[in-house]
């Protein structure tokens, strides 16, 4: 199944006293680059998210962000008894030392003590973080499903484009084969004429050696192997488009092979018509390679 490496999904949720917003996006990359921007105080959330995404994404630069806010109006406050005890012990020691030196201190009020840092803190239920992590991971599954649905839809569109391009490449390859066959007789006649001219002006030349050199030129100008390989590459690419595994890397390699054969075809063309077909092949292959860069 063809999937695009690009995708986007977002979602929002809430559970008192929290509310949050998700964003999951991905762009092209050579491998998997996963970046998470989530609160680090929610135990177990980040590793759970990493595993969830890694299960479905093979390639791409993926960024997941979670913006979480807390409604202070619903948050209670309570004493930190350990901090309070430490503060009272420190105050008692200060008062004792002041008394020993004859220094009079004004008595501290409860308000003074409550204003000290750490004495009064937000009340947070012991299981609040654990429950929140489970809820967020459950929501993340739905988010990733939406993300995958978008990547799959884009993959279907890419597959249709690639199928059309492969059809065009196959047609151009057939056209090249027809032109190559049509020029076979003219090439033979040209080589015979060249042999006659060489023998006329090269006194003492070995006819057999000259014929061997011209035969070698004929072999080098033959494009049968390039056409056969282009047809094989078309079939291989069509097979990859039906594969269930990620095939982006394989298709990228295959487009390089397509381009190599088209280049060789152009270099061996020997005629304007065949050269024009080779250039048209290179143009379609280049367009195909651009699309392949988006495939996982």
Foldseek 3Di string as FASTA:
>chain_A
DWFFQWFKFKDWDDDPQKIKIKIKTWAFDPWEAEEEAEDPVQPPQVVLLVVLLVVPDTGTHMYMYMDMDGDVVPWDKDFPVVVLVVVVVVVVVVCVVCVVVVHDDDDDDPVNSVPDPRGMDIDDDPCNSVVVSVVVSVVVNVRVVNGRVRRVVVRVVLLVLLLVLLVVLLVLLVVLVVVLVVCPVVLVVVLVVVLVVCPVVPPPDDSVVSNVVSVVLVVLLRLVVLSVVSVVLSVVVVVLSPDPDFCLVVVLVSLVVQLVSLVSQLVSVPDPVSNVSSVVSNVSSVVSNVSSSRID
